[in-house]
Amino acid sequence: MLPPPLPTDRPFTLEYAHRHGHSRRAVQGRRFQIIFPLVYAAADLEITPRVLVQAALLAAPAGCAASHHSGLLLHGVAVGAELTPHLSTLDSEPIRIRGVTMHRLALMSARSVNGWRVLSPELCLSTAATQVNLVDLVIAADAMYAQRLVTPGRLDHFLHHHHGAGVRKARRAMHLARRGSESPRETYVRVMLELAGLPPLECNRSFGDDGGPVARLDLSWSRWKIAIEYDGRQHGLSLAQRERDVQRRERMERLGWVFIVVTAAQLARPRKIVLRVCEVLAARQGWAPLPRFDVEWCALFE
């Protein structure tokens, strides 16, 4: 009788292959690839950052858990550009695995996520603060709220009772995060404006008239009837969708709203976006906050 086939959608260990009747020689053939010592995957499996983290967990001792950006990734929150898997352990002398960064933590709050051992979302965010910039950290916090991985109250309680590395930046990100944000680019535009000194924006609120809701706006200042929308879908919309968007905006404009549309191409000139928004604020209210392009803002957006 032939042994059952080995997984094709995830990594596996040599010990797993042995238990299912496959020899070392079999997994060392052309049908498989080695990721870490004693950890293999099907030859045609794309080695994504998620697969790398899963493979690192298989290569590490049982007490390790995915942490930092790697833990966020297994929770379904992708931030930052680093590909190296990061794991954490309570062990005072963590085992070294080539291609994996190991951390020793004094606090380990871990759980199983789809069968993989991962630190709690709050602790992943706090540890990730040592790796990613403030904007990416806010994007992560917004995504955590959207996916209901954590509530603002629970995150606030954790970060004000936790004193590990990165916690100060994580606390600042928490104060900038908002419930209701629905995409990383929305968060990026919002934080770009707020860190330049503009008033806090409302996220994905619905507005309308006596006939009912007319539009759900990405970002808005309802008291000035200013809507800011990120449009990164210009080339992916059908004619019918484009027509609905035009009609929606025209109805909102008849209600006194003004729209500022930010496209993906315009993100290359962030200062111009801020100045455009300030011009609209000035035209609406007769005043506008002076934008603040300090060292931090320039480092994050330019």
Protein backbone atom coordinates (compact mmCIF):
# COMPACT_ATOMS: atom_id res chain seq x y z
CA MET A 1 0.00 0.00 0.00
CA LEU A 2 1.31 3.43 -0.95
CA PRO A 3 1.79 5.97 1.87
CA PRO A 4 -0.61 8.94 1.93
CA PRO A 5 0.60 11.97 -0.06
CA LEU A 6 2.53 14.66 1.75
CA PRO A 7 1.05 18.19 2.09
CA THR A 8 1.31 20.40 -0.98
CA ASP A 9 -0.07 23.60 0.57
CA ARG A 10 2.15 23.95 3.63
CA PRO A 11 5.60 22.94 4.92
CA PHE A 12 6.21 19.74 6.88
CA THR A 13 9.02 18.13 8.85
CA LEU A 14 11.09 15.07 8.01
CA GLU A 15 9.67 13.47 11.14
CA TYR A 16 6.13 14.05 9.79
CA ALA A 17 7.14 12.42 6.50
CA HIS A 18 8.58 9.41 8.35
CA ARG A 19 5.41 8.98 10.39
CA HIS A 20 3.42 8.85 7.16
CA GLY A 21 5.64 6.28 5.51
CA HIS A 22 7.99 8.47 3.47
CA SER A 23 11.77 8.05 3.64
CA ARG A 24 14.39 10.79 3.85
CA ARG A 25 15.45 9.88 0.32
CA ALA A 26 11.91 10.42 -0.96
CA VAL A 27 11.63 13.98 0.39
CA GLN A 28 15.08 14.84 -0.90
CA GLY A 29 13.96 14.19 -4.47
CA ARG A 30 12.87 16.68 -7.12
CA ARG A 31 9.28 16.80 -5.90
CA PHE A 32 10.29 18.62 -2.69
CA GLN A 33 12.39 21.57 -1.54
CA ILE A 34 14.13 22.15 1.77
CA ILE A 35 13.32 25.40 3.61
CA PHE A 36 15.08 24.95 6.95
CA PRO A 37 16.98 21.94 8.33
CA LEU A 38 14.57 18.97 8.43
CA VAL A 39 11.71 21.14 7.11
CA TYR A 40 10.45 20.59 3.56
CA ALA A 41 7.70 21.67 1.17
CA ALA A 42 6.42 20.64 -2.23
CA ALA A 43 8.73 21.85 -4.99
CA ASP A 44 6.00 23.97 -6.58
CA LEU A 45 4.83 25.61 -3.34
CA GLU A 46 5.52 29.35 -3.43
CA ILE A 47 7.65 30.28 -0.44
CA THR A 48 5.68 33.33 0.73
CA PRO A 49 6.46 35.20 3.97
CA ARG A 50 3.62 33.24 5.62
CA VAL A 51 5.06 29.89 4.51
CA LEU A 52 8.50 30.97 5.79
CA VAL A 53 7.05 31.70 9.24
CA GLN A 54 5.24 28.36 9.30
CA ALA A 55 8.44 26.56 8.30
CA ALA A 56 10.42 28.42 10.99
CA LEU A 57 7.93 27.27 13.63
CA LEU A 58 8.37 23.67 12.48
CA ALA A 59 12.16 24.03 12.68
CA ALA A 60 12.08 25.59 16.17
CA PRO A 61 11.50 23.96 19.57
CA ALA A 62 7.87 23.46 20.62
CA GLY A 63 7.83 26.39 23.07
CA CYS A 64 8.52 29.01 20.42
CA ALA A 65 5.81 31.25 18.96
CA ALA A 66 5.61 33.57 15.97
CA SER A 67 6.08 37.17 17.11
CA HIS A 68 6.75 40.69 15.82
CA HIS A 69 5.63 41.16 12.17
CA SER A 70 5.64 37.37 11.73
CA GLY A 71 3.04 36.94 14.44
CA LEU A 72 0.89 39.71 12.96
CA LEU A 73 1.12 37.96 9.60
CA LEU A 74 -0.27 34.70 11.01
CA HIS A 75 -3.06 36.72 12.64
CA GLY A 76 -3.91 37.99 9.13
CA VAL A 77 -2.24 41.41 9.40
CA ALA A 78 0.57 42.04 6.92
CA VAL A 79 2.87 45.00 7.66
CA GLY A 80 6.43 45.94 6.89
CA ALA A 81 8.75 44.63 4.20
CA GLU A 82 11.02 42.34 6.21
CA LEU A 83 10.94 38.68 5.11
CA THR A 84 13.01 37.08 7.88
CA PRO A 85 10.76 35.08 10.26
CA HIS A 86 10.79 36.24 13.87
CA LEU A 87 10.03 33.84 16.72
CA SER A 88 10.03 34.32 20.49
CA THR A 89 10.65 32.02 23.42
CA LEU A 90 10.98 32.05 27.22
CA ASP A 91 14.19 30.02 26.92
CA SER A 92 17.16 31.92 28.37
CA GLU A 93 19.40 30.53 25.61
CA PRO A 94 17.27 30.39 22.45
CA ILE A 95 18.30 27.89 19.80
CA ARG A 96 19.83 29.46 16.71
CA ILE A 97 18.36 28.66 13.30
CA ARG A 98 20.00 30.09 10.22
CA GLY A 99 17.57 32.46 8.48
CA VAL A 100 15.36 32.91 11.57
CA THR A 101 15.59 35.68 14.18
CA MET A 102 14.96 34.36 17.70
CA HIS A 103 13.96 36.58 20.64
CA ARG A 104 13.83 35.90 24.33
CA LEU A 105 10.78 37.43 26.03
CA ALA A 106 10.03 37.70 29.72
CA LEU A 107 6.32 37.55 28.89
CA MET A 108 4.76 34.98 26.56
CA SER A 109 1.05 35.10 25.87
CA ALA A 110 0.60 32.62 23.03
CA ARG A 111 -2.30 30.90 21.30
CA SER A 112 -2.96 28.58 18.37
CA VAL A 113 -4.01 30.27 15.11
CA ASN A 114 -4.96 27.75 12.42
CA GLY A 115 -2.69 25.26 14.13
CA TRP A 116 0.33 27.58 14.43
CA ARG A 117 1.65 28.91 17.74
CA VAL A 118 1.48 32.72 17.77
CA LEU A 119 1.80 35.44 20.41
CA SER A 120 -1.37 37.37 21.28
CA PRO A 121 -2.25 40.19 18.84
CA GLU A 122 -1.43 42.81 21.49
CA LEU A 123 2.02 41.37 22.14
CA CYS A 124 2.69 40.96 18.41
CA LEU A 125 1.89 44.64 17.89
CA SER A 126 4.13 45.69 20.76
CA THR A 127 7.08 43.58 19.60
CA ALA A 128 6.55 44.65 15.95
CA ALA A 129 7.05 48.24 17.08
CA THR A 130 10.79 47.50 17.29
CA GLN A 131 10.79 46.67 13.55
CA VAL A 132 8.26 48.76 11.64
CA ASN A 133 7.66 52.50 11.43
CA LEU A 134 4.84 54.37 13.12
CA VAL A 135 2.57 54.45 10.04
CA ASP A 136 2.84 50.69 9.48
CA LEU A 137 2.10 50.18 13.16
CA VAL A 138 -1.08 52.28 12.90
CA ILE A 139 -2.06 50.32 9.78
CA ALA A 140 -1.62 47.12 11.80
CA ALA A 141 -3.71 48.42 14.71
CA ASP A 142 -6.49 49.56 12.35
CA ALA A 143 -6.50 46.11 10.73
CA MET A 144 -6.61 44.42 14.14
CA TYR A 145 -9.71 46.47 15.03
CA ALA A 146 -11.32 45.73 11.65
CA GLN A 147 -10.74 41.98 12.05
CA ARG A 148 -11.86 42.10 15.69
CA LEU A 149 -8.60 40.61 16.88
CA VAL A 150 -8.57 43.11 19.74
CA THR A 151 -10.72 45.93 21.07
CA PRO A 152 -9.37 49.43 21.73
CA GLY A 153 -10.04 48.92 25.44
CA ARG A 154 -8.14 45.65 25.60
CA LEU A 155 -5.22 47.03 23.60
CA ASP A 156 -5.09 50.13 25.82
CA HIS A 157 -5.08 47.99 28.99
CA PHE A 158 -2.30 45.75 27.67
CA LEU A 159 -0.04 48.55 26.45
CA HIS A 160 -0.37 50.51 29.70
CA HIS A 161 0.60 47.47 31.78
CA HIS A 162 3.34 46.18 29.49
CA HIS A 163 6.85 47.59 29.54
CA GLY A 164 8.74 45.71 26.82
CA ALA A 165 10.82 47.21 24.02
CA GLY A 166 8.70 49.07 21.50
CA VAL A 167 5.78 49.69 23.83
CA ARG A 168 6.05 53.50 23.68
CA LYS A 169 5.75 53.52 19.90
CA ALA A 170 2.91 50.98 20.13
CA ARG A 171 1.05 53.26 22.58
CA ARG A 172 1.42 56.17 20.18
CA ALA A 173 0.17 54.03 17.29
CA MET A 174 -2.82 52.99 19.40
CA HIS A 175 -3.78 56.64 19.95
CA LEU A 176 -3.58 57.27 16.20
CA ALA A 177 -5.54 54.13 15.28
CA ARG A 178 -9.26 54.30 14.45
CA ARG A 179 -12.09 51.85 14.36
CA GLY A 180 -13.74 51.82 10.94
CA SER A 181 -10.69 52.03 8.70
CA GLU A 182 -11.07 49.52 5.88
CA SER A 183 -7.79 49.58 3.96
CA PRO A 184 -4.08 50.21 4.56
CA ARG A 185 -4.09 53.10 2.06
CA GLU A 186 -6.99 54.81 3.82
CA THR A 187 -5.02 54.63 7.06
CA TYR A 188 -1.88 55.88 5.30
CA VAL A 189 -3.64 58.97 3.92
CA ARG A 190 -5.36 59.68 7.24
CA VAL A 191 -2.15 59.47 9.27
CA MET A 192 -0.32 61.56 6.66
CA LEU A 193 -2.83 64.36 7.20
CA GLU A 194 -3.15 64.06 10.97
CA LEU A 195 0.61 63.96 11.60
CA ALA A 196 0.86 67.15 9.50
CA GLY A 197 -1.34 68.83 12.11
CA LEU A 198 -4.78 68.59 10.46
CA PRO A 199 -7.87 67.78 12.58
CA PRO A 200 -8.76 64.12 13.31
CA LEU A 201 -10.75 62.52 10.49
CA GLU A 202 -13.83 60.30 10.67
CA CYS A 203 -13.54 56.86 9.03
CA ASN A 204 -16.14 55.25 6.76
CA ARG A 205 -19.19 57.09 8.03
CA SER A 206 -22.45 57.04 6.06
CA PHE A 207 -24.22 60.29 5.17
CA GLY A 208 -27.40 61.08 3.31
CA ASP A 209 -30.61 63.09 3.24
CA ASP A 210 -34.25 62.61 4.20
CA GLY A 211 -34.48 59.86 1.61
CA GLY A 212 -31.85 57.76 3.38
CA PRO A 213 -28.12 57.07 3.08
CA VAL A 214 -26.39 58.38 -0.01
CA ALA A 215 -22.70 57.59 0.51
CA ARG A 216 -20.27 55.94 2.87
CA LEU A 217 -17.18 58.12 2.86
CA ASP A 218 -13.62 56.83 3.35
CA LEU A 219 -12.48 59.86 5.35
CA SER A 220 -14.46 62.94 6.26
CA TRP A 221 -14.91 66.06 8.33
CA SER A 222 -18.68 66.13 8.67
CA ARG A 223 -18.85 69.58 10.28
CA TRP A 224 -17.23 71.11 7.19
CA LYS A 225 -18.74 68.61 4.71
CA ILE A 226 -15.35 67.65 3.34
CA ALA A 227 -14.82 64.11 2.03
CA ILE A 228 -11.41 62.60 1.27
CA GLU A 229 -11.42 59.40 -0.73
CA TYR A 230 -8.52 57.18 -1.72
CA ASP A 231 -9.06 55.86 -5.24
CA GLY A 232 -6.63 53.10 -6.07
CA ARG A 233 -9.13 51.19 -8.19
CA GLN A 234 -9.37 53.45 -11.24
CA HIS A 235 -8.42 50.72 -13.70
CA GLY A 236 -10.39 47.90 -12.05
CA LEU A 237 -13.89 49.35 -12.07
CA SER A 238 -16.62 48.45 -14.52
CA LEU A 239 -18.46 51.21 -16.36
CA ALA A 240 -21.51 50.55 -14.17
CA GLN A 241 -19.43 50.97 -10.98
CA ARG A 242 -17.88 54.18 -12.30
CA GLU A 243 -21.33 55.53 -13.12
CA ARG A 244 -22.58 54.72 -9.60
CA ASP A 245 -19.58 56.52 -8.10
CA VAL A 246 -20.24 59.61 -10.22
CA GLN A 247 -23.93 59.66 -9.26
CA ARG A 248 -23.10 59.18 -5.59
CA ARG A 249 -20.63 62.08 -5.59
CA GLU A 250 -23.01 64.34 -7.50
CA ARG A 251 -25.78 63.69 -4.95
CA MET A 252 -23.39 64.43 -2.08
CA GLU A 253 -22.21 67.63 -3.80
CA ARG A 254 -25.83 68.77 -4.07
CA LEU A 255 -26.00 68.30 -0.30
CA GLY A 256 -23.07 70.69 0.07
CA TRP A 257 -20.18 68.25 0.25
CA VAL A 258 -16.82 68.76 -1.46
CA PHE A 259 -14.65 65.78 -2.48
CA ILE A 260 -10.88 65.47 -2.50
CA VAL A 261 -9.78 62.35 -4.36
CA VAL A 262 -6.31 60.95 -3.68
CA THR A 263 -4.91 58.49 -6.21
CA ALA A 264 -2.08 56.00 -5.90
CA ALA A 265 0.11 58.10 -8.21
CA GLN A 266 -0.38 61.19 -6.05
CA LEU A 267 1.06 59.42 -3.00
CA ALA A 268 4.49 60.06 -4.52
CA ARG A 269 3.90 63.78 -3.74
CA PRO A 270 2.52 63.68 -0.19
CA ARG A 271 3.23 67.33 0.60
CA LYS A 272 1.02 68.41 -2.30
CA ILE A 273 -1.82 66.26 -0.94
CA VAL A 274 -1.62 67.97 2.45
CA LEU A 275 -1.53 71.45 0.88
CA ARG A 276 -4.54 70.62 -1.35
CA VAL A 277 -6.54 69.56 1.69
CA CYS A 278 -5.49 72.70 3.58
CA GLU A 279 -6.73 74.84 0.67
CA VAL A 280 -10.14 73.20 0.85
CA LEU A 281 -10.28 73.67 4.63
CA ALA A 282 -9.44 77.35 4.17
CA ALA A 283 -12.09 77.79 1.48
CA ARG A 284 -14.73 76.08 3.62
CA GLN A 285 -14.02 77.67 6.97
CA GLY A 286 -11.94 80.71 6.16
CA TRP A 287 -9.03 79.15 8.02
CA ALA A 288 -6.79 76.13 7.86
CA PRO A 289 -4.22 74.74 10.27
CA LEU A 290 -0.69 75.43 9.17
CA PRO A 291 0.70 72.09 8.01
CA ARG A 292 3.60 70.75 10.03
CA PHE A 293 6.22 69.03 7.92
CA ASP A 294 8.62 68.16 10.72
CA VAL A 295 11.52 65.71 10.67
CA GLU A 296 9.32 62.76 11.61
CA TRP A 297 6.72 63.56 8.92
CA CYS A 298 9.40 63.83 6.24
CA ALA A 299 11.03 60.56 7.31
CA LEU A 300 7.68 58.73 7.21
CA PHE A 301 6.20 60.10 3.99
CA GLU A 302 8.91 61.62 1.79
